[in-house]
Amino acid sequence: MILVFITLGVGAAHIVLGGGLNDAVKSTPNIAHHAFFGAVAAAGFGVLFNFGYRNLGWAALAGALALAVRTVCMLSGWPLEAASFAAAVAVALVVELSYNTPFPVRRVGNAIAVAGCIPMVPGSAAAHWIIGLLEITVQPLEKSDMMLAATTSAGLQVIFTVGAIGAGLTMISSTFRRPEFPTRDHAD
């Protein structure tokens, strides 16, 4: 019920503040809209990860960047998985480059990037996957083929998107030298 009232409230506010009914349900994604809600979601995950107040701001910025980059890529025609990979690379790169600024995020490091990327996990596809698996068990055998195809497609989208996010984060964080890890300058 809370989700229904939130949806109705946001839609009504959009209509009252100048957009029409058709504008409230348009399918074209708005980059600022996605960035804002990515920031809110990432800050929420920062709370879950027990970040301090300053790091919650960094997590929000990482979430905003992740969803903005992903939305721009998807508007350019990229599939969800590739756009999520590019966004994860962008977030991880910004976090790594922030180590050399006056405001480093070194204490929590890659956790900021992870919190920023979690909102990109396709929750709707995950829900379709789980519910589809449950519905397959009660479908007649004739209908189970179509249900299995749709369920498998949703599951693969979730798996490949999460894999792309993980690959993007790992690639960037592995290529940068860590000052806290000692290196050997001489051969043994």
N, C-alpha and C. Protein backbone atom coordinates (compact mmCIF):
# COMPACT_ATOMS: atom_id res chain seq x y z
N MET A 1 0.82 -1.19 0.00
CA MET A 1 0.00 0.00 0.00
C MET A 1 0.87 1.26 0.00
N ILE A 2 1.99 1.21 0.72
CA ILE A 2 2.87 2.39 0.75
C ILE A 2 3.37 2.70 -0.64
N LEU A 3 3.78 1.67 -1.38
CA LEU A 3 4.28 1.87 -2.74
C LEU A 3 3.20 2.46 -3.64
N VAL A 4 1.96 2.03 -3.49
CA VAL A 4 0.86 2.57 -4.28
C VAL A 4 0.68 4.05 -3.98
N PHE A 5 0.69 4.41 -2.70
CA PHE A 5 0.49 5.82 -2.34
C PHE A 5 1.68 6.68 -2.75
N ILE A 6 2.88 6.14 -2.67
CA ILE A 6 4.04 6.90 -3.15
C ILE A 6 3.92 7.15 -4.65
N THR A 7 3.56 6.12 -5.39
CA THR A 7 3.42 6.26 -6.84
C THR A 7 2.34 7.27 -7.20
N LEU A 8 1.20 7.16 -6.55
CA LEU A 8 0.12 8.12 -6.81
C LEU A 8 0.52 9.53 -6.42
N GLY A 9 1.23 9.67 -5.30
CA GLY A 9 1.67 10.99 -4.85
C GLY A 9 2.67 11.63 -5.80
N VAL A 10 3.63 10.86 -6.26
CA VAL A 10 4.61 11.39 -7.20
C VAL A 10 3.95 11.74 -8.52
N GLY A 11 3.06 10.88 -9.01
CA GLY A 11 2.35 11.17 -10.26
C GLY A 11 1.47 12.39 -10.14
N ALA A 12 0.75 12.53 -9.02
CA ALA A 12 -0.11 13.70 -8.82
C ALA A 12 0.73 14.97 -8.71
N ALA A 13 1.86 14.90 -8.01
CA ALA A 13 2.73 16.07 -7.90
C ALA A 13 3.27 16.48 -9.26
N HIS A 14 3.60 15.51 -10.08
CA HIS A 14 4.11 15.82 -11.41
C HIS A 14 3.04 16.52 -12.26
N ILE A 15 1.81 16.04 -12.17
CA ILE A 15 0.73 16.65 -12.93
C ILE A 15 0.43 18.05 -12.41
N VAL A 16 0.39 18.22 -11.09
CA VAL A 16 0.08 19.53 -10.49
C VAL A 16 1.18 20.55 -10.79
N LEU A 17 2.43 20.11 -10.82
CA LEU A 17 3.55 21.03 -11.00
C LEU A 17 3.86 21.32 -12.47
N GLY A 18 2.98 20.98 -13.37
CA GLY A 18 3.17 21.42 -14.74
C GLY A 18 3.15 20.35 -15.80
N GLY A 19 3.41 19.12 -15.46
CA GLY A 19 3.36 18.07 -16.45
C GLY A 19 1.96 17.54 -16.59
N GLY A 20 1.60 17.09 -17.76
CA GLY A 20 0.29 16.50 -17.97
C GLY A 20 0.30 15.02 -17.64
N LEU A 21 -0.83 14.39 -17.82
CA LEU A 21 -0.94 12.96 -17.54
C LEU A 21 -0.05 12.16 -18.48
N ASN A 22 -0.02 12.54 -19.75
CA ASN A 22 0.83 11.82 -20.70
C ASN A 22 2.29 12.01 -20.37
N ASP A 23 2.64 13.21 -19.87
CA ASP A 23 4.02 13.50 -19.51
C ASP A 23 4.43 12.71 -18.27
N ALA A 24 3.49 12.42 -17.38
CA ALA A 24 3.80 11.71 -16.14
C ALA A 24 4.13 10.24 -16.40
N VAL A 25 3.63 9.67 -17.47
CA VAL A 25 3.87 8.26 -17.75
C VAL A 25 4.71 8.05 -19.00
N LYS A 26 5.47 9.07 -19.42
CA LYS A 26 6.28 8.92 -20.62
C LYS A 26 7.40 7.91 -20.38
N SER A 27 7.81 7.25 -21.44
CA SER A 27 8.78 6.18 -21.30
C SER A 27 10.22 6.65 -21.50
N THR A 28 10.45 7.87 -21.96
CA THR A 28 11.80 8.36 -22.17
C THR A 28 12.45 8.66 -20.82
N PRO A 29 13.57 8.01 -20.51
CA PRO A 29 14.19 8.24 -19.21
C PRO A 29 14.80 9.63 -19.10
N ASN A 30 14.70 10.19 -17.92
CA ASN A 30 15.26 11.50 -17.63
C ASN A 30 16.53 11.28 -16.83
N ILE A 31 17.65 11.81 -17.31
CA ILE A 31 18.95 11.56 -16.69
C ILE A 31 18.98 12.12 -15.27
N ALA A 32 18.47 13.34 -15.07
CA ALA A 32 18.48 13.94 -13.73
C ALA A 32 17.61 13.13 -12.77
N HIS A 33 16.49 12.65 -13.25
CA HIS A 33 15.60 11.83 -12.43
C HIS A 33 16.31 10.54 -11.99
N HIS A 34 16.95 9.86 -12.92
CA HIS A 34 17.65 8.63 -12.59
C HIS A 34 18.81 8.91 -11.65
N ALA A 35 19.54 10.00 -11.90
CA ALA A 35 20.67 10.34 -11.03
C ALA A 35 20.21 10.63 -9.61
N PHE A 36 19.12 11.36 -9.47
CA PHE A 36 18.60 11.68 -8.13
C PHE A 36 18.24 10.42 -7.37
N PHE A 37 17.47 9.55 -8.00
CA PHE A 37 17.05 8.35 -7.29
C PHE A 37 18.19 7.34 -7.13
N GLY A 38 19.18 7.38 -8.00
CA GLY A 38 20.38 6.58 -7.79
C GLY A 38 21.15 7.06 -6.57
N ALA A 39 21.19 8.39 -6.39
CA ALA A 39 21.85 8.96 -5.21
C ALA A 39 21.13 8.57 -3.94
N VAL A 40 19.81 8.65 -3.96
CA VAL A 40 19.02 8.28 -2.77
C VAL A 40 19.23 6.80 -2.43
N ALA A 41 19.17 5.95 -3.44
CA ALA A 41 19.34 4.51 -3.20
C ALA A 41 20.75 4.19 -2.70
N ALA A 42 21.75 4.81 -3.30
CA ALA A 42 23.13 4.54 -2.88
C ALA A 42 23.38 5.04 -1.45
N ALA A 43 22.81 6.18 -1.10
CA ALA A 43 22.94 6.67 0.27
C ALA A 43 22.25 5.69 1.23
N GLY A 44 21.14 5.14 0.82
CA GLY A 44 20.45 4.13 1.64
C GLY A 44 21.32 2.90 1.84
N PHE A 45 22.01 2.46 0.80
CA PHE A 45 22.92 1.34 0.95
C PHE A 45 24.12 1.73 1.81
N GLY A 46 24.52 3.00 1.75
CA GLY A 46 25.58 3.48 2.63
C GLY A 46 25.18 3.39 4.09
N VAL A 47 23.91 3.69 4.38
CA VAL A 47 23.40 3.53 5.74
C VAL A 47 23.46 2.06 6.13
N LEU A 48 23.07 1.19 5.20
CA LEU A 48 23.11 -0.25 5.46
C LEU A 48 24.54 -0.72 5.72
N PHE A 49 25.52 -0.12 5.02
CA PHE A 49 26.92 -0.47 5.21
C PHE A 49 27.55 0.25 6.39
N ASN A 50 26.76 1.07 7.09
CA ASN A 50 27.20 1.79 8.29
C ASN A 50 28.27 2.84 7.97
N PHE A 51 28.09 3.58 6.87
CA PHE A 51 28.99 4.66 6.52
C PHE A 51 28.75 5.84 7.45
N GLY A 52 29.77 6.67 7.63
CA GLY A 52 29.61 7.92 8.36
C GLY A 52 28.91 8.95 7.47
N TYR A 53 28.57 10.10 8.06
CA TYR A 53 27.83 11.12 7.31
C TYR A 53 28.57 11.59 6.07
N ARG A 54 29.86 11.83 6.19
CA ARG A 54 30.63 12.31 5.03
C ARG A 54 30.63 11.26 3.92
N ASN A 55 30.79 10.00 4.30
CA ASN A 55 30.82 8.94 3.30
C ASN A 55 29.45 8.67 2.69
N LEU A 56 28.37 9.01 3.41
CA LEU A 56 27.04 8.89 2.80
C LEU A 56 26.92 9.84 1.60
N GLY A 57 27.49 11.01 1.73
CA GLY A 57 27.50 11.96 0.60
C GLY A 57 28.27 11.41 -0.58
N TRP A 58 29.43 10.78 -0.29
CA TRP A 58 30.21 10.18 -1.37
C TRP A 58 29.44 9.03 -2.03
N ALA A 59 28.76 8.24 -1.21
CA ALA A 59 27.97 7.13 -1.77
C ALA A 59 26.84 7.67 -2.65
N ALA A 60 26.21 8.77 -2.20
CA ALA A 60 25.14 9.38 -3.00
C ALA A 60 25.69 9.88 -4.33
N LEU A 61 26.86 10.51 -4.30
CA LEU A 61 27.47 10.98 -5.56
C LEU A 61 27.81 9.80 -6.48
N ALA A 62 28.31 8.72 -5.90
CA ALA A 62 28.62 7.54 -6.71
C ALA A 62 27.36 6.95 -7.33
N GLY A 63 26.27 6.90 -6.56
CA GLY A 63 25.01 6.39 -7.10
C GLY A 63 24.46 7.28 -8.20
N ALA A 64 24.56 8.59 -8.01
CA ALA A 64 24.09 9.53 -9.04
C ALA A 64 24.90 9.36 -10.32
N LEU A 65 26.21 9.24 -10.18
CA LEU A 65 27.07 9.06 -11.35
C LEU A 65 26.75 7.74 -12.06
N ALA A 66 26.59 6.68 -11.29
CA ALA A 66 26.32 5.37 -11.88
C ALA A 66 25.04 5.38 -12.70
N LEU A 67 23.96 5.89 -12.13
CA LEU A 67 22.69 5.88 -12.86
C LEU A 67 22.68 6.87 -14.02
N ALA A 68 23.39 7.99 -13.88
CA ALA A 68 23.47 8.95 -14.98
C ALA A 68 24.22 8.35 -16.16
N VAL A 69 25.36 7.74 -15.89
CA VAL A 69 26.15 7.13 -16.97
C VAL A 69 25.37 6.00 -17.63
N ARG A 70 24.75 5.16 -16.81
CA ARG A 70 23.98 4.04 -17.38
C ARG A 70 22.83 4.55 -18.24
N THR A 71 22.13 5.60 -17.78
CA THR A 71 21.00 6.14 -18.55
C THR A 71 21.47 6.73 -19.87
N VAL A 72 22.59 7.47 -19.84
CA VAL A 72 23.13 8.05 -21.08
C VAL A 72 23.50 6.93 -22.06
N CYS A 73 24.15 5.90 -21.56
CA CYS A 73 24.53 4.78 -22.43
C CYS A 73 23.30 4.08 -23.01
N MET A 74 22.29 3.88 -22.19
CA MET A 74 21.08 3.20 -22.68
C MET A 74 20.33 4.08 -23.68
N LEU A 75 20.35 5.40 -23.48
CA LEU A 75 19.73 6.30 -24.46
C LEU A 75 20.48 6.27 -25.79
N SER A 76 21.77 5.91 -25.72
CA SER A 76 22.58 5.80 -26.94
C SER A 76 22.40 4.45 -27.63
N GLY A 77 21.57 3.58 -27.05
CA GLY A 77 21.28 2.31 -27.69
C GLY A 77 22.03 1.12 -27.12
N TRP A 78 22.78 1.31 -26.04
CA TRP A 78 23.52 0.21 -25.44
C TRP A 78 22.56 -0.72 -24.70
N PRO A 79 22.84 -2.01 -24.65
CA PRO A 79 22.02 -2.90 -23.82
C PRO A 79 22.31 -2.64 -22.33
N LEU A 80 21.40 -3.10 -21.49
CA LEU A 80 21.51 -2.88 -20.05
C LEU A 80 22.83 -3.36 -19.49
N GLU A 81 23.28 -4.52 -19.91
CA GLU A 81 24.50 -5.10 -19.36
C GLU A 81 25.72 -4.24 -19.70
N ALA A 82 25.84 -3.81 -20.95
CA ALA A 82 26.97 -2.99 -21.36
C ALA A 82 26.92 -1.62 -20.70
N ALA A 83 25.74 -1.04 -20.60
CA ALA A 83 25.60 0.27 -19.95
C ALA A 83 25.95 0.17 -18.47
N SER A 84 25.57 -0.91 -17.82
CA SER A 84 25.91 -1.11 -16.41
C SER A 84 27.41 -1.29 -16.23
N PHE A 85 28.05 -1.98 -17.16
CA PHE A 85 29.50 -2.14 -17.11
C PHE A 85 30.20 -0.78 -17.23
N ALA A 86 29.78 0.02 -18.20
CA ALA A 86 30.38 1.35 -18.38
C ALA A 86 30.18 2.22 -17.15
N ALA A 87 29.01 2.15 -16.55
CA ALA A 87 28.73 2.95 -15.35
C ALA A 87 29.59 2.48 -14.19
N ALA A 88 29.75 1.19 -14.03
CA ALA A 88 30.60 0.67 -12.94
C ALA A 88 32.05 1.09 -13.14
N VAL A 89 32.53 1.06 -14.38
CA VAL A 89 33.88 1.51 -14.67
C VAL A 89 34.03 2.99 -14.32
N ALA A 90 33.04 3.81 -14.70
CA ALA A 90 33.10 5.25 -14.40
C ALA A 90 33.13 5.50 -12.90
N VAL A 91 32.29 4.80 -12.15
CA VAL A 91 32.25 5.00 -10.70
C VAL A 91 33.56 4.55 -10.06
N ALA A 92 34.04 3.38 -10.43
CA ALA A 92 35.29 2.88 -9.86
C ALA A 92 36.46 3.79 -10.20
N LEU A 93 36.47 4.32 -11.41
CA LEU A 93 37.54 5.23 -11.83
C LEU A 93 37.50 6.52 -11.01
N VAL A 94 36.33 7.07 -10.80
CA VAL A 94 36.20 8.30 -10.00
C VAL A 94 36.64 8.05 -8.55
N VAL A 95 36.25 6.91 -7.99
CA VAL A 95 36.66 6.58 -6.62
C VAL A 95 38.18 6.43 -6.55
N GLU A 96 38.78 5.74 -7.50
CA GLU A 96 40.24 5.56 -7.49
C GLU A 96 40.95 6.90 -7.67
N LEU A 97 40.46 7.74 -8.55
CA LEU A 97 41.10 9.04 -8.77
C LEU A 97 40.90 9.99 -7.60
N SER A 98 39.88 9.73 -6.79
CA SER A 98 39.64 10.61 -5.64
C SER A 98 40.70 10.43 -4.56
N TYR A 99 41.49 9.35 -4.63
CA TYR A 99 42.53 9.14 -3.63
C TYR A 99 43.58 10.25 -3.66
N ASN A 100 43.73 10.92 -4.78
CA ASN A 100 44.73 11.97 -4.93
C ASN A 100 44.14 13.36 -4.85
N THR A 101 43.00 13.50 -4.23
CA THR A 101 42.35 14.80 -4.07
C THR A 101 42.38 15.20 -2.59
N PRO A 102 42.03 16.44 -2.30
CA PRO A 102 41.96 16.84 -0.89
C PRO A 102 40.86 16.13 -0.10
N PHE A 103 39.92 15.50 -0.79
CA PHE A 103 38.81 14.81 -0.12
C PHE A 103 38.82 13.32 -0.48
N PRO A 104 39.83 12.58 -0.06
CA PRO A 104 39.88 11.17 -0.46
C PRO A 104 38.82 10.34 0.26
N VAL A 105 38.43 9.25 -0.38
CA VAL A 105 37.50 8.32 0.22
C VAL A 105 38.24 7.04 0.61
N ARG A 106 39.52 7.19 0.96
CA ARG A 106 40.40 6.05 1.17
C ARG A 106 39.94 5.13 2.30
N ARG A 107 39.36 5.66 3.35
CA ARG A 107 39.03 4.80 4.49
C ARG A 107 38.00 3.73 4.13
N VAL A 108 37.05 4.06 3.30
CA VAL A 108 36.07 3.05 2.90
C VAL A 108 36.30 2.59 1.47
N GLY A 109 37.06 3.34 0.72
CA GLY A 109 37.52 2.95 -0.60
C GLY A 109 36.47 2.38 -1.53
N ASN A 110 36.67 1.14 -1.90
CA ASN A 110 35.81 0.51 -2.90
C ASN A 110 34.39 0.27 -2.42
N ALA A 111 34.17 0.34 -1.12
CA ALA A 111 32.80 0.20 -0.61
C ALA A 111 31.92 1.33 -1.13
N ILE A 112 32.51 2.51 -1.34
CA ILE A 112 31.76 3.63 -1.93
C ILE A 112 31.32 3.25 -3.34
N ALA A 113 32.22 2.68 -4.12
CA ALA A 113 31.88 2.29 -5.49
C ALA A 113 30.82 1.20 -5.50
N VAL A 114 30.93 0.25 -4.59
CA VAL A 114 29.94 -0.83 -4.52
C VAL A 114 28.57 -0.27 -4.15
N ALA A 115 28.54 0.60 -3.13
CA ALA A 115 27.26 1.20 -2.73
C ALA A 115 26.67 2.03 -3.86
N GLY A 116 27.51 2.68 -4.65
CA GLY A 116 27.02 3.46 -5.77
C GLY A 116 26.48 2.62 -6.91
N CYS A 117 26.99 1.40 -7.04
CA CYS A 117 26.58 0.53 -8.15
C CYS A 117 25.42 -0.39 -7.81
N ILE A 118 25.15 -0.61 -6.55
CA ILE A 118 24.06 -1.52 -6.18
C ILE A 118 22.71 -1.08 -6.76
N PRO A 119 22.41 0.24 -6.83
CA PRO A 119 21.11 0.60 -7.42
C PRO A 119 20.95 0.22 -8.89
N MET A 120 22.04 -0.19 -9.55
CA MET A 120 21.92 -0.60 -10.96
C MET A 120 21.48 -2.04 -11.12
N VAL A 121 21.43 -2.80 -10.05
CA VAL A 121 20.97 -4.19 -10.15
C VAL A 121 19.50 -4.17 -10.57
N PRO A 122 19.16 -4.88 -11.65
CA PRO A 122 17.78 -4.81 -12.16
C PRO A 122 16.79 -5.57 -11.28
N GLY A 123 16.21 -4.87 -10.33
CA GLY A 123 15.28 -5.48 -9.38
C GLY A 123 14.02 -6.01 -10.03
N SER A 124 13.53 -5.32 -11.04
CA SER A 124 12.31 -5.77 -11.72
C SER A 124 12.56 -7.10 -12.42
N ALA A 125 13.70 -7.23 -13.08
CA ALA A 125 14.02 -8.50 -13.75
C ALA A 125 14.22 -9.61 -12.72
N ALA A 126 14.83 -9.28 -11.58
CA ALA A 126 15.01 -10.28 -10.53
C ALA A 126 13.67 -10.75 -9.99
N ALA A 127 12.74 -9.81 -9.82
CA ALA A 127 11.41 -10.19 -9.34
C ALA A 127 10.69 -11.07 -10.37
N HIS A 128 10.80 -10.72 -11.67
CA HIS A 128 10.20 -11.55 -12.71
C HIS A 128 10.81 -12.96 -12.72
N TRP A 129 12.09 -13.01 -12.49
CA TRP A 129 12.80 -14.29 -12.48
C TRP A 129 12.29 -15.17 -11.34
N ILE A 130 12.26 -14.61 -10.15
CA ILE A 130 11.84 -15.40 -8.98
C ILE A 130 10.37 -15.80 -9.08
N ILE A 131 9.53 -14.85 -9.42
CA ILE A 131 8.09 -15.15 -9.54
C ILE A 131 7.84 -16.13 -10.69
N GLY A 132 8.58 -15.95 -11.78
CA GLY A 132 8.43 -16.87 -12.91
C GLY A 132 8.81 -18.29 -12.54
N LEU A 133 9.85 -18.45 -11.76
CA LEU A 133 10.24 -19.80 -11.32
C LEU A 133 9.13 -20.43 -10.47
N LEU A 134 8.50 -19.62 -9.65
CA LEU A 134 7.41 -20.15 -8.83
C LEU A 134 6.18 -20.46 -9.67
N GLU A 135 5.91 -19.62 -10.68
CA GLU A 135 4.72 -19.84 -11.52
C GLU A 135 4.87 -21.04 -12.44
N ILE A 136 6.09 -21.38 -12.80
CA ILE A 136 6.30 -22.54 -13.68
C ILE A 136 5.76 -23.81 -13.03
N THR A 137 5.86 -23.89 -11.74
CA THR A 137 5.43 -25.11 -11.05
C THR A 137 3.93 -25.33 -11.09
N VAL A 138 3.15 -24.27 -11.32
CA VAL A 138 1.69 -24.42 -11.32
C VAL A 138 1.10 -24.31 -12.72
N GLN A 139 1.92 -24.08 -13.74
CA GLN A 139 1.43 -23.95 -15.11
C GLN A 139 1.19 -25.32 -15.72
N PRO A 140 0.20 -25.40 -16.61
CA PRO A 140 0.05 -26.65 -17.37
C PRO A 140 1.29 -26.85 -18.25
N LEU A 141 1.57 -28.06 -18.58
CA LEU A 141 2.78 -28.40 -19.33
C LEU A 141 2.86 -27.67 -20.68
N GLU A 142 1.70 -27.42 -21.32
CA GLU A 142 1.71 -26.73 -22.62
C GLU A 142 2.18 -25.29 -22.49
N LYS A 143 1.88 -24.63 -21.40
CA LYS A 143 2.24 -23.23 -21.21
C LYS A 143 3.60 -23.05 -20.55
N SER A 144 4.18 -24.11 -20.03
CA SER A 144 5.42 -23.96 -19.28
C SER A 144 6.60 -23.58 -20.17
N ASP A 145 6.58 -23.92 -21.47
CA ASP A 145 7.69 -23.56 -22.36
C ASP A 145 7.84 -22.06 -22.49
N MET A 146 6.73 -21.37 -22.73
CA MET A 146 6.79 -19.91 -22.86
C MET A 146 7.19 -19.26 -21.53
N MET A 147 6.65 -19.77 -20.44
CA MET A 147 6.97 -19.24 -19.13
C MET A 147 8.45 -19.46 -18.81
N LEU A 148 8.96 -20.63 -19.17
CA LEU A 148 10.36 -20.94 -18.92
C LEU A 148 11.28 -20.02 -19.73
N ALA A 149 10.90 -19.74 -20.96
CA ALA A 149 11.71 -18.85 -21.80
C ALA A 149 11.76 -17.44 -21.21
N ALA A 150 10.61 -16.91 -20.80
CA ALA A 150 10.57 -15.56 -20.22
C ALA A 150 11.32 -15.51 -18.89
N THR A 151 11.16 -16.54 -18.09
CA THR A 151 11.84 -16.59 -16.79
C THR A 151 13.35 -16.69 -16.97
N THR A 152 13.78 -17.53 -17.88
CA THR A 152 15.21 -17.68 -18.14
C THR A 152 15.80 -16.38 -18.66
N SER A 153 15.09 -15.70 -19.53
CA SER A 153 15.57 -14.42 -20.07
C SER A 153 15.76 -13.40 -18.95
N ALA A 154 14.79 -13.30 -18.05
CA ALA A 154 14.91 -12.35 -16.93
C ALA A 154 16.07 -12.74 -16.02
N GLY A 155 16.22 -14.02 -15.75
CA GLY A 155 17.31 -14.48 -14.89
C GLY A 155 18.68 -14.21 -15.50
N LEU A 156 18.81 -14.46 -16.79
CA LEU A 156 20.09 -14.19 -17.46
C LEU A 156 20.41 -12.71 -17.48
N GLN A 157 19.38 -11.88 -17.64
CA GLN A 157 19.62 -10.43 -17.60
C GLN A 157 20.16 -10.01 -16.24
N VAL A 158 19.61 -10.55 -15.18
CA VAL A 158 20.09 -10.23 -13.84
C VAL A 158 21.52 -10.72 -13.66
N ILE A 159 21.78 -11.95 -14.03
CA ILE A 159 23.11 -12.54 -13.84
C ILE A 159 24.16 -11.77 -14.64
N PHE A 160 23.88 -11.48 -15.91
CA PHE A 160 24.86 -10.78 -16.73
C PHE A 160 25.05 -9.33 -16.30
N THR A 161 24.00 -8.68 -15.82
CA THR A 161 24.14 -7.30 -15.36
C THR A 161 24.97 -7.25 -14.08
N VAL A 162 24.69 -8.13 -13.14
CA VAL A 162 25.49 -8.17 -11.91
C VAL A 162 26.94 -8.52 -12.24
N GLY A 163 27.13 -9.44 -13.16
CA GLY A 163 28.49 -9.78 -13.58
C GLY A 163 29.21 -8.62 -14.24
N ALA A 164 28.50 -7.85 -15.06
CA ALA A 164 29.10 -6.69 -15.72
C ALA A 164 29.47 -5.63 -14.69
N ILE A 165 28.63 -5.42 -13.70
CA ILE A 165 28.94 -4.44 -12.65
C ILE A 165 30.17 -4.90 -11.88
N GLY A 166 30.20 -6.16 -11.50
CA GLY A 166 31.35 -6.68 -10.77
C GLY A 166 32.63 -6.61 -11.58
N ALA A 167 32.55 -6.93 -12.86
CA ALA A 167 33.73 -6.87 -13.73
C ALA A 167 34.24 -5.44 -13.86
N GLY A 168 33.34 -4.49 -14.03
CA GLY A 168 33.76 -3.09 -14.15
C GLY A 168 34.44 -2.58 -12.88
N LEU A 169 33.87 -2.91 -11.73
CA LEU A 169 34.48 -2.50 -10.46
C LEU A 169 35.83 -3.16 -10.24
N THR A 170 35.92 -4.45 -10.54
CA THR A 170 37.14 -5.20 -10.30
C THR A 170 38.26 -4.78 -11.24
N MET A 171 37.94 -4.57 -12.51
CA MET A 171 38.97 -4.19 -13.48
C MET A 171 39.68 -2.91 -13.07
N ILE A 172 38.91 -1.91 -12.68
CA ILE A 172 39.52 -0.62 -12.33
C ILE A 172 40.27 -0.71 -11.01
N SER A 173 39.67 -1.31 -10.00
CA SER A 173 40.35 -1.36 -8.70
C SER A 173 41.61 -2.22 -8.75
N SER A 174 41.69 -3.19 -9.66
CA SER A 174 42.89 -4.02 -9.76
C SER A 174 44.02 -3.35 -10.50
N THR A 175 43.73 -2.36 -11.32
CA THR A 175 44.79 -1.75 -12.12
C THR A 175 45.52 -0.63 -11.40
N PHE A 176 44.96 -0.14 -10.30
CA PHE A 176 45.61 0.94 -9.57
C PHE A 176 46.48 0.40 -8.46
N ARG A 177 47.62 1.02 -8.24
CA ARG A 177 48.54 0.62 -7.18
C ARG A 177 47.98 1.07 -5.83
N ARG A 178 48.08 0.22 -4.87
CA ARG A 178 47.61 0.52 -3.52
C ARG A 178 48.79 0.94 -2.65
N PRO A 179 48.77 2.16 -2.09
CA PRO A 179 49.88 2.59 -1.25
C PRO A 179 49.95 1.82 0.08
N GLU A 180 48.85 1.25 0.52
CA GLU A 180 48.86 0.53 1.78
C GLU A 180 49.45 -0.88 1.66
N PHE A 181 49.67 -1.36 0.41
CA PHE A 181 50.28 -2.66 0.21
C PHE A 181 51.76 -2.47 -0.11
N PRO A 182 52.63 -3.11 0.66
CA PRO A 182 54.07 -2.94 0.38
C PRO A 182 54.45 -3.64 -0.93
N THR A 183 55.39 -3.05 -1.62
CA THR A 183 55.90 -3.65 -2.85
C THR A 183 57.39 -3.89 -2.68
N ARG A 184 57.89 -4.82 -3.42
CA ARG A 184 59.32 -5.10 -3.36
C ARG A 184 59.97 -4.42 -4.56
N ASP A 185 61.01 -3.64 -4.27
CA ASP A 185 61.74 -2.96 -5.34
C ASP A 185 62.98 -3.74 -5.75
N HIS A 186 63.29 -4.80 -5.04
CA HIS A 186 64.45 -5.59 -5.38
C HIS A 186 64.06 -7.04 -5.60
N ALA A 187 64.87 -7.73 -6.37
CA ALA A 187 64.58 -9.13 -6.67
C ALA A 187 65.21 -10.01 -5.60
N ASP A 188 64.56 -11.07 -5.25
CA ASP A 188 65.11 -12.01 -4.25
C ASP A 188 65.90 -13.09 -4.92
